[in-house]
N, C-alpha and C. Protein backbone atom coordinates (compact mmCIF):
# COMPACT_ATOMS: atom_id res chain seq x y z
N MET A 1 -54.34 -9.22 4.43
CA MET A 1 -53.46 -8.54 3.56
C MET A 1 -52.62 -7.62 4.41
N SER A 2 -53.21 -6.92 5.33
CA SER A 2 -52.22 -5.88 6.05
C SER A 2 -51.27 -6.53 6.96
N ARG A 3 -51.54 -7.86 7.41
CA ARG A 3 -50.65 -8.63 8.17
C ARG A 3 -49.36 -8.92 7.29
N LYS A 4 -49.48 -9.14 6.09
CA LYS A 4 -48.22 -9.53 5.19
C LYS A 4 -47.45 -8.23 4.95
N LYS A 5 -48.07 -7.04 4.83
CA LYS A 5 -47.27 -5.85 4.79
C LYS A 5 -46.61 -5.57 5.97
N GLY A 6 -47.07 -5.91 7.13
CA GLY A 6 -46.40 -5.61 8.50
C GLY A 6 -45.36 -6.68 8.64
N GLN A 7 -45.46 -7.87 8.03
CA GLN A 7 -44.40 -8.86 8.15
C GLN A 7 -43.22 -8.44 7.34
N ALA A 8 -43.46 -7.97 6.21
CA ALA A 8 -42.36 -7.51 5.31
C ALA A 8 -41.53 -6.26 5.99
N ILE A 9 -42.24 -5.36 6.75
CA ILE A 9 -41.60 -4.27 7.28
C ILE A 9 -40.78 -4.89 8.54
N VAL A 10 -41.27 -5.82 9.39
CA VAL A 10 -40.49 -6.35 10.48
C VAL A 10 -39.28 -7.09 9.85
N GLU A 11 -39.43 -7.97 8.77
CA GLU A 11 -38.22 -8.62 8.38
C GLU A 11 -37.22 -7.62 7.76
N MET A 12 -37.70 -6.57 7.13
CA MET A 12 -36.76 -5.49 6.65
C MET A 12 -36.03 -4.86 7.81
N ALA A 13 -36.70 -4.61 8.94
CA ALA A 13 -36.14 -3.96 10.16
C ALA A 13 -35.05 -4.89 10.64
N LEU A 14 -35.28 -6.20 10.54
CA LEU A 14 -34.33 -7.09 11.22
C LEU A 14 -33.13 -7.28 10.43
N LEU A 15 -33.34 -7.21 9.00
CA LEU A 15 -32.22 -7.64 8.17
C LEU A 15 -31.32 -6.31 7.61
N PHE A 16 -31.99 -5.12 7.77
CA PHE A 16 -31.39 -3.95 7.20
C PHE A 16 -30.11 -3.70 7.89
N PRO A 17 -29.99 -3.82 9.27
CA PRO A 17 -28.77 -3.40 9.85
C PRO A 17 -27.50 -4.38 9.33
N PHE A 18 -27.85 -5.66 9.15
CA PHE A 18 -26.85 -6.47 8.55
C PHE A 18 -26.31 -6.09 7.28
N PHE A 19 -27.25 -5.85 6.24
CA PHE A 19 -26.94 -5.35 5.01
C PHE A 19 -26.05 -3.98 5.10
N LEU A 20 -26.50 -3.20 5.96
CA LEU A 20 -25.87 -1.95 6.05
C LEU A 20 -24.44 -2.08 6.58
N LEU A 21 -24.33 -3.06 7.58
CA LEU A 21 -22.92 -3.38 8.06
C LEU A 21 -22.06 -3.82 7.02
N ILE A 22 -22.45 -4.86 6.09
CA ILE A 22 -21.72 -5.19 4.99
C ILE A 22 -21.27 -4.20 4.13
N ILE A 23 -22.30 -3.29 3.60
CA ILE A 23 -22.11 -2.29 2.60
C ILE A 23 -21.05 -1.14 3.31
N VAL A 24 -21.55 -0.63 4.33
CA VAL A 24 -20.68 0.55 4.78
C VAL A 24 -19.45 0.03 5.35
N GLY A 25 -19.37 -1.10 5.99
CA GLY A 25 -18.15 -1.62 6.44
C GLY A 25 -17.10 -1.93 5.34
N GLY A 26 -17.68 -2.53 4.23
CA GLY A 26 -16.89 -2.75 3.07
C GLY A 26 -16.30 -1.55 2.46
N LEU A 27 -17.05 -0.49 2.46
CA LEU A 27 -16.70 0.86 1.88
C LEU A 27 -15.49 1.35 2.86
N ILE A 28 -15.70 1.25 4.00
CA ILE A 28 -14.66 1.80 4.82
C ILE A 28 -13.44 0.99 4.78
N ASP A 29 -13.47 -0.26 5.00
CA ASP A 29 -12.28 -1.18 4.98
C ASP A 29 -11.58 -1.15 3.67
N PHE A 30 -12.26 -1.32 2.57
CA PHE A 30 -11.63 -1.38 1.23
C PHE A 30 -11.11 0.05 0.81
N GLY A 31 -11.81 1.03 1.28
CA GLY A 31 -11.41 2.44 1.09
C GLY A 31 -10.01 2.75 1.68
N PHE A 32 -9.91 2.31 2.97
CA PHE A 32 -8.72 2.39 3.69
C PHE A 32 -7.55 1.49 3.00
N ALA A 33 -7.89 0.42 2.60
CA ALA A 33 -7.02 -0.40 1.99
C ALA A 33 -6.46 0.13 0.69
N PHE A 34 -7.38 0.70 -0.20
CA PHE A 34 -6.98 1.33 -1.45
C PHE A 34 -6.21 2.57 -1.14
N PHE A 35 -6.45 3.38 -0.07
CA PHE A 35 -5.56 4.46 0.18
C PHE A 35 -4.20 4.03 0.58
N ASN A 36 -4.12 2.91 1.55
CA ASN A 36 -2.90 2.35 1.93
C ASN A 36 -2.15 1.69 0.73
N ALA A 37 -2.75 1.24 -0.23
CA ALA A 37 -2.04 0.68 -1.43
C ALA A 37 -1.46 1.83 -2.26
N ILE A 38 -2.06 2.96 -2.41
CA ILE A 38 -1.57 4.04 -3.06
C ILE A 38 -0.42 4.72 -2.29
N THR A 39 -0.48 4.75 -1.06
CA THR A 39 0.57 5.25 -0.13
C THR A 39 1.77 4.29 -0.27
N LEU A 40 1.58 3.01 -0.30
CA LEU A 40 2.71 2.05 -0.34
C LEU A 40 3.43 2.22 -1.72
N GLN A 41 2.70 2.28 -2.82
CA GLN A 41 3.28 2.47 -4.03
C GLN A 41 4.05 3.73 -4.10
N GLN A 42 3.63 4.91 -3.44
CA GLN A 42 4.45 6.09 -3.44
C GLN A 42 5.60 5.80 -2.62
N ILE A 43 5.63 5.21 -1.47
CA ILE A 43 6.73 4.89 -0.73
C ILE A 43 7.82 4.08 -1.49
N ALA A 44 7.34 3.05 -2.28
CA ALA A 44 8.22 2.31 -3.10
C ALA A 44 8.96 3.10 -4.20
N ASN A 45 8.00 4.07 -4.85
CA ASN A 45 8.61 4.97 -5.87
C ASN A 45 9.69 5.88 -5.32
N ASP A 46 9.46 6.48 -4.14
CA ASP A 46 10.36 7.42 -3.65
C ASP A 46 11.54 6.75 -3.11
N SER A 47 11.43 5.62 -2.55
CA SER A 47 12.62 4.89 -2.11
C SER A 47 13.53 4.43 -3.33
N ALA A 48 12.98 3.84 -4.33
CA ALA A 48 13.66 3.45 -5.58
C ALA A 48 14.37 4.63 -6.20
N GLN A 49 13.78 5.73 -6.32
CA GLN A 49 14.37 7.15 -6.83
C GLN A 49 15.62 7.46 -5.90
N TYR A 50 15.34 7.36 -4.55
CA TYR A 50 16.38 7.86 -3.47
C TYR A 50 17.51 6.82 -3.62
N ALA A 51 17.38 5.57 -3.81
CA ALA A 51 18.41 4.57 -3.89
C ALA A 51 19.22 4.70 -5.18
N ALA A 52 18.46 4.95 -6.23
CA ALA A 52 19.25 5.04 -7.50
C ALA A 52 19.92 6.34 -7.65
N GLU A 53 19.43 7.42 -7.27
CA GLU A 53 20.03 8.71 -7.51
C GLU A 53 21.29 8.83 -6.49
N ASN A 54 21.20 8.32 -5.30
CA ASN A 54 22.35 8.23 -4.31
C ASN A 54 23.22 7.03 -4.43
N ARG A 55 22.95 6.09 -5.34
CA ARG A 55 23.81 4.88 -5.65
C ARG A 55 23.81 4.01 -4.38
N ILE A 56 22.75 3.81 -3.78
CA ILE A 56 22.62 3.09 -2.40
C ILE A 56 22.15 1.65 -2.84
N THR A 57 22.90 0.70 -2.33
CA THR A 57 22.45 -0.59 -2.51
C THR A 57 22.39 -1.44 -1.16
N SER A 58 22.60 -0.72 -0.06
CA SER A 58 22.66 -1.31 1.27
C SER A 58 21.15 -1.27 1.67
N LYS A 59 20.77 -2.54 2.11
CA LYS A 59 19.42 -2.72 2.54
C LYS A 59 19.05 -2.03 3.83
N GLU A 60 20.06 -1.71 4.64
CA GLU A 60 19.87 -1.00 5.94
C GLU A 60 19.57 0.47 5.60
N GLU A 61 20.25 1.13 4.69
CA GLU A 61 20.07 2.50 4.40
C GLU A 61 18.68 2.67 3.65
N ILE A 62 18.37 1.73 2.84
CA ILE A 62 17.02 1.91 2.29
C ILE A 62 15.83 1.65 3.16
N GLU A 63 16.15 0.62 4.05
CA GLU A 63 15.06 0.45 5.04
C GLU A 63 14.95 1.70 6.02
N ALA A 64 15.98 2.29 6.42
CA ALA A 64 15.91 3.60 7.16
C ALA A 64 15.03 4.67 6.47
N HIS A 65 15.29 4.75 4.96
CA HIS A 65 14.57 5.76 4.19
C HIS A 65 13.12 5.35 4.11
N ILE A 66 12.74 4.12 4.03
CA ILE A 66 11.42 3.61 4.01
C ILE A 66 10.76 3.87 5.36
N ALA A 67 11.48 3.63 6.61
CA ALA A 67 10.83 3.98 7.84
C ALA A 67 10.51 5.33 7.96
N LYS A 68 11.30 6.33 7.36
CA LYS A 68 11.03 7.75 7.53
C LYS A 68 9.77 8.18 6.79
N LEU A 69 9.58 7.40 5.66
CA LEU A 69 8.33 7.69 4.71
C LEU A 69 7.18 7.02 5.38
N LYS A 70 7.20 6.07 6.20
CA LYS A 70 5.99 5.28 6.65
C LYS A 70 5.08 6.39 7.47
N PRO A 71 3.74 6.28 7.18
CA PRO A 71 2.84 7.28 7.74
C PRO A 71 2.82 6.79 9.37
N GLY A 72 2.50 7.82 10.10
CA GLY A 72 2.56 7.53 11.65
C GLY A 72 1.35 6.64 12.15
N TRP A 73 0.27 6.68 11.43
CA TRP A 73 -0.95 5.88 11.81
C TRP A 73 -0.82 4.37 11.41
N TRP A 74 0.17 4.08 10.56
CA TRP A 74 0.46 2.65 10.26
C TRP A 74 0.91 1.81 11.44
N LYS A 75 0.33 0.86 11.85
CA LYS A 75 0.65 0.13 12.96
C LYS A 75 1.69 -1.00 12.66
N ASN A 76 1.48 -1.64 11.49
CA ASN A 76 2.46 -2.76 11.08
C ASN A 76 3.63 -2.13 10.40
N ASP A 77 4.67 -3.04 10.38
CA ASP A 77 5.89 -2.66 9.66
C ASP A 77 5.76 -2.86 8.24
N ILE A 78 6.46 -2.23 7.42
CA ILE A 78 6.62 -2.36 5.99
C ILE A 78 7.63 -3.37 5.68
N ASP A 79 7.28 -4.51 4.97
CA ASP A 79 8.11 -5.55 4.68
C ASP A 79 9.09 -5.30 3.52
N PHE A 80 10.38 -5.30 3.62
CA PHE A 80 11.26 -5.04 2.50
C PHE A 80 12.29 -6.03 2.55
N SER A 81 12.35 -6.81 1.37
CA SER A 81 13.28 -7.93 1.19
C SER A 81 14.64 -7.57 0.88
N GLY A 82 14.87 -6.26 0.49
CA GLY A 82 16.10 -5.77 -0.07
C GLY A 82 16.02 -5.37 -1.53
N PRO A 83 16.96 -4.38 -1.84
CA PRO A 83 17.05 -3.89 -3.18
C PRO A 83 17.39 -5.01 -4.25
N GLU A 84 16.93 -4.85 -5.30
CA GLU A 84 17.16 -5.91 -6.37
C GLU A 84 17.84 -5.17 -7.66
N PRO A 85 19.23 -5.09 -7.65
CA PRO A 85 19.80 -4.45 -8.86
C PRO A 85 19.74 -5.42 -10.07
N LEU A 86 19.37 -4.70 -11.11
CA LEU A 86 19.18 -5.48 -12.46
C LEU A 86 19.80 -4.80 -13.55
N ASP A 87 20.79 -5.40 -14.13
CA ASP A 87 21.56 -4.89 -15.23
C ASP A 87 20.73 -4.97 -16.53
N LEU A 88 20.66 -3.83 -17.25
CA LEU A 88 19.91 -3.79 -18.47
C LEU A 88 20.84 -4.12 -19.73
N THR A 89 20.32 -4.72 -20.73
CA THR A 89 20.91 -5.03 -21.86
C THR A 89 21.39 -3.83 -22.68
N SER A 90 20.55 -2.80 -22.58
CA SER A 90 20.92 -1.52 -23.21
C SER A 90 21.87 -0.67 -22.55
N GLY A 91 22.34 -1.13 -21.31
CA GLY A 91 23.35 -0.44 -20.46
C GLY A 91 22.77 0.12 -19.29
N GLY A 92 23.43 0.16 -18.23
CA GLY A 92 22.94 0.81 -17.02
C GLY A 92 22.32 -0.23 -16.13
N THR A 93 21.97 0.32 -15.02
CA THR A 93 21.43 -0.73 -13.93
C THR A 93 20.17 -0.07 -13.38
N VAL A 94 19.23 -0.95 -13.06
CA VAL A 94 17.92 -0.50 -12.52
C VAL A 94 17.90 -1.14 -11.00
N ILE A 95 17.37 -0.25 -10.04
CA ILE A 95 17.22 -0.65 -8.72
C ILE A 95 15.71 -0.94 -8.61
N ARG A 96 15.38 -2.16 -8.17
CA ARG A 96 14.07 -2.47 -7.86
C ARG A 96 13.86 -2.65 -6.48
N ILE A 97 12.66 -2.02 -5.98
CA ILE A 97 12.25 -2.02 -4.60
C ILE A 97 10.92 -2.65 -4.32
N PRO A 98 10.94 -3.91 -3.87
CA PRO A 98 9.72 -4.56 -3.60
C PRO A 98 9.31 -4.36 -2.01
N VAL A 99 8.25 -3.73 -1.68
CA VAL A 99 7.61 -3.67 -0.42
C VAL A 99 6.29 -4.24 -0.24
N SER A 100 5.95 -4.45 1.01
CA SER A 100 4.54 -5.08 1.27
C SER A 100 4.12 -4.53 2.61
N TYR A 101 2.80 -4.51 2.84
CA TYR A 101 2.19 -4.10 4.10
C TYR A 101 0.91 -4.76 4.33
N GLU A 102 0.72 -5.14 5.49
CA GLU A 102 -0.62 -5.76 6.08
C GLU A 102 -1.58 -4.59 6.44
N SER A 103 -2.41 -4.25 5.60
CA SER A 103 -3.45 -3.16 5.89
C SER A 103 -4.56 -3.85 6.83
N PRO A 104 -4.71 -3.28 8.09
CA PRO A 104 -5.70 -3.85 8.96
C PRO A 104 -7.14 -3.61 8.48
N ALA A 105 -8.06 -4.42 8.78
CA ALA A 105 -9.42 -4.20 8.57
C ALA A 105 -10.00 -3.62 9.89
N TYR A 106 -10.82 -2.59 9.70
CA TYR A 106 -11.33 -1.77 10.85
C TYR A 106 -12.76 -2.19 11.41
N THR A 107 -13.51 -2.79 10.64
CA THR A 107 -14.91 -3.11 11.08
C THR A 107 -14.80 -4.44 11.60
N PRO A 108 -15.44 -4.96 12.65
CA PRO A 108 -15.46 -6.22 13.15
C PRO A 108 -15.99 -7.31 12.20
N PHE A 109 -16.95 -7.02 11.29
CA PHE A 109 -17.37 -7.94 10.43
C PHE A 109 -16.28 -8.49 9.52
N TYR A 110 -15.54 -7.53 8.99
CA TYR A 110 -14.51 -7.78 7.94
C TYR A 110 -13.32 -8.37 8.62
N GLN A 111 -13.06 -7.96 9.92
CA GLN A 111 -11.97 -8.52 10.65
C GLN A 111 -12.20 -10.00 10.88
N THR A 112 -13.37 -10.35 11.30
CA THR A 112 -13.89 -11.71 11.48
C THR A 112 -13.74 -12.65 10.15
N MET A 113 -14.28 -11.96 9.06
CA MET A 113 -14.31 -12.65 7.82
C MET A 113 -12.91 -12.92 7.30
N LEU A 114 -12.00 -11.91 7.35
CA LEU A 114 -10.64 -12.12 6.86
C LEU A 114 -9.87 -13.11 7.79
N SER A 115 -10.14 -13.00 9.10
CA SER A 115 -9.48 -13.97 10.01
C SER A 115 -9.75 -15.47 9.62
N GLY A 116 -11.08 -15.56 9.36
CA GLY A 116 -11.59 -16.95 8.99
C GLY A 116 -11.07 -17.41 7.67
N ILE A 117 -10.88 -16.62 6.73
CA ILE A 117 -10.41 -16.85 5.31
C ILE A 117 -8.91 -17.08 5.37
N LYS A 118 -8.16 -16.22 5.79
CA LYS A 118 -6.71 -16.19 5.66
C LYS A 118 -5.92 -16.32 7.04
N GLY A 119 -6.53 -16.12 8.08
CA GLY A 119 -6.02 -16.44 9.42
C GLY A 119 -5.36 -15.06 10.03
N SER A 120 -5.64 -13.96 9.36
CA SER A 120 -5.17 -12.68 9.97
C SER A 120 -6.22 -11.61 9.53
N PRO A 121 -6.56 -10.59 10.36
CA PRO A 121 -7.58 -9.67 10.07
C PRO A 121 -7.08 -8.54 9.25
N SER A 122 -6.37 -8.78 8.17
CA SER A 122 -5.70 -7.76 7.46
C SER A 122 -5.67 -8.10 5.97
N ILE A 123 -5.46 -7.06 5.34
CA ILE A 123 -5.32 -7.25 3.71
C ILE A 123 -3.97 -7.06 3.30
N LYS A 124 -3.31 -8.06 2.60
CA LYS A 124 -1.92 -7.81 2.29
C LYS A 124 -1.68 -7.04 1.01
N LEU A 125 -1.03 -5.99 1.04
CA LEU A 125 -0.73 -5.12 -0.13
C LEU A 125 0.74 -5.25 -0.52
N ALA A 126 0.98 -5.09 -1.68
CA ALA A 126 2.35 -5.20 -2.23
C ALA A 126 2.62 -4.19 -3.38
N ALA A 127 3.71 -3.64 -3.43
CA ALA A 127 4.23 -2.66 -4.46
C ALA A 127 5.68 -2.91 -4.86
N LEU A 128 5.89 -2.59 -6.09
CA LEU A 128 7.22 -2.76 -6.66
C LEU A 128 7.47 -1.51 -7.45
N ALA A 129 8.72 -0.96 -7.30
CA ALA A 129 9.06 0.27 -8.04
C ALA A 129 10.47 0.05 -8.48
N SER A 130 10.72 0.49 -9.80
CA SER A 130 12.11 0.37 -10.43
C SER A 130 12.49 1.83 -10.79
N TYR A 131 13.84 2.09 -10.59
CA TYR A 131 14.37 3.35 -11.02
C TYR A 131 15.77 2.98 -11.59
N LYS A 132 16.09 3.69 -12.70
CA LYS A 132 17.40 3.43 -13.38
C LYS A 132 18.47 4.34 -12.64
N ILE A 133 19.45 3.81 -12.35
CA ILE A 133 20.62 4.61 -11.87
C ILE A 133 21.13 5.63 -12.81
N PRO A 134 21.17 6.86 -12.62
CA PRO A 134 21.53 7.88 -13.75
C PRO A 134 22.98 7.53 -13.97
N GLN A 135 23.39 7.59 -15.40
CA GLN A 135 24.69 7.44 -15.81
C GLN A 135 25.52 8.81 -15.86
N HIS A 136 24.58 9.79 -16.32
CA HIS A 136 25.29 11.14 -16.34
C HIS A 136 24.32 12.16 -15.79
N VAL A 137 24.82 12.96 -14.98
CA VAL A 137 24.00 14.03 -14.38
C VAL A 137 24.49 15.38 -14.69
N TYR A 138 23.60 16.13 -15.39
CA TYR A 138 23.83 17.49 -15.96
C TYR A 138 23.30 18.48 -14.97
N THR A 139 24.15 19.42 -14.57
CA THR A 139 23.61 20.48 -13.77
C THR A 139 23.90 21.77 -14.35
N LYS A 140 23.00 22.72 -14.24
CA LYS A 140 23.10 24.08 -14.82
C LYS A 140 23.87 24.87 -13.71
N LEU A 141 25.08 25.46 -14.05
CA LEU A 141 25.78 26.30 -13.22
C LEU A 141 25.17 27.74 -13.34
N PRO A 142 25.37 28.50 -12.28
CA PRO A 142 24.82 29.81 -12.30
C PRO A 142 25.62 30.81 -13.27
N GLY A 143 24.90 31.48 -14.05
CA GLY A 143 25.52 32.28 -14.97
C GLY A 143 25.77 31.66 -16.28
N ASN A 144 25.65 30.40 -16.59
CA ASN A 144 25.72 29.72 -17.72
C ASN A 144 24.40 29.67 -18.45
N LYS A 145 24.57 29.97 -19.88
CA LYS A 145 23.38 29.76 -20.66
C LYS A 145 23.34 28.39 -21.30
N PRO A 146 22.17 27.82 -21.42
CA PRO A 146 21.95 26.59 -21.83
C PRO A 146 22.33 26.52 -23.36
């Protein structure tokens, strides 16, 4: 009877590090990926607003703005295919900014797993933001009452 209890403890001691690696590694990698997804969406939002408010449709100018917003610890480049102007039936134009980023996996287990599944040890993230080009801009002049 006591030998079976000892066997269970040994099996647990052998398998516990593997389960811990999966659980903790998953929390780390997917936590970073979720944080990077939120950051990428904010970059897309800010870039769309910048492009629309300044009436910029040049891919190079928007790419330069995106590069300024990219966090310093991101190793990979943000993929940007170019702005997509879209005319609205109600009038006006919307600028759409599609961006994507390969968020790297940090734990060796998930790097190996992702490499085996998709050929690269990273998680592909994508974001899309749209912003309408303002047709009228109202400013309050000093001394004027609304």
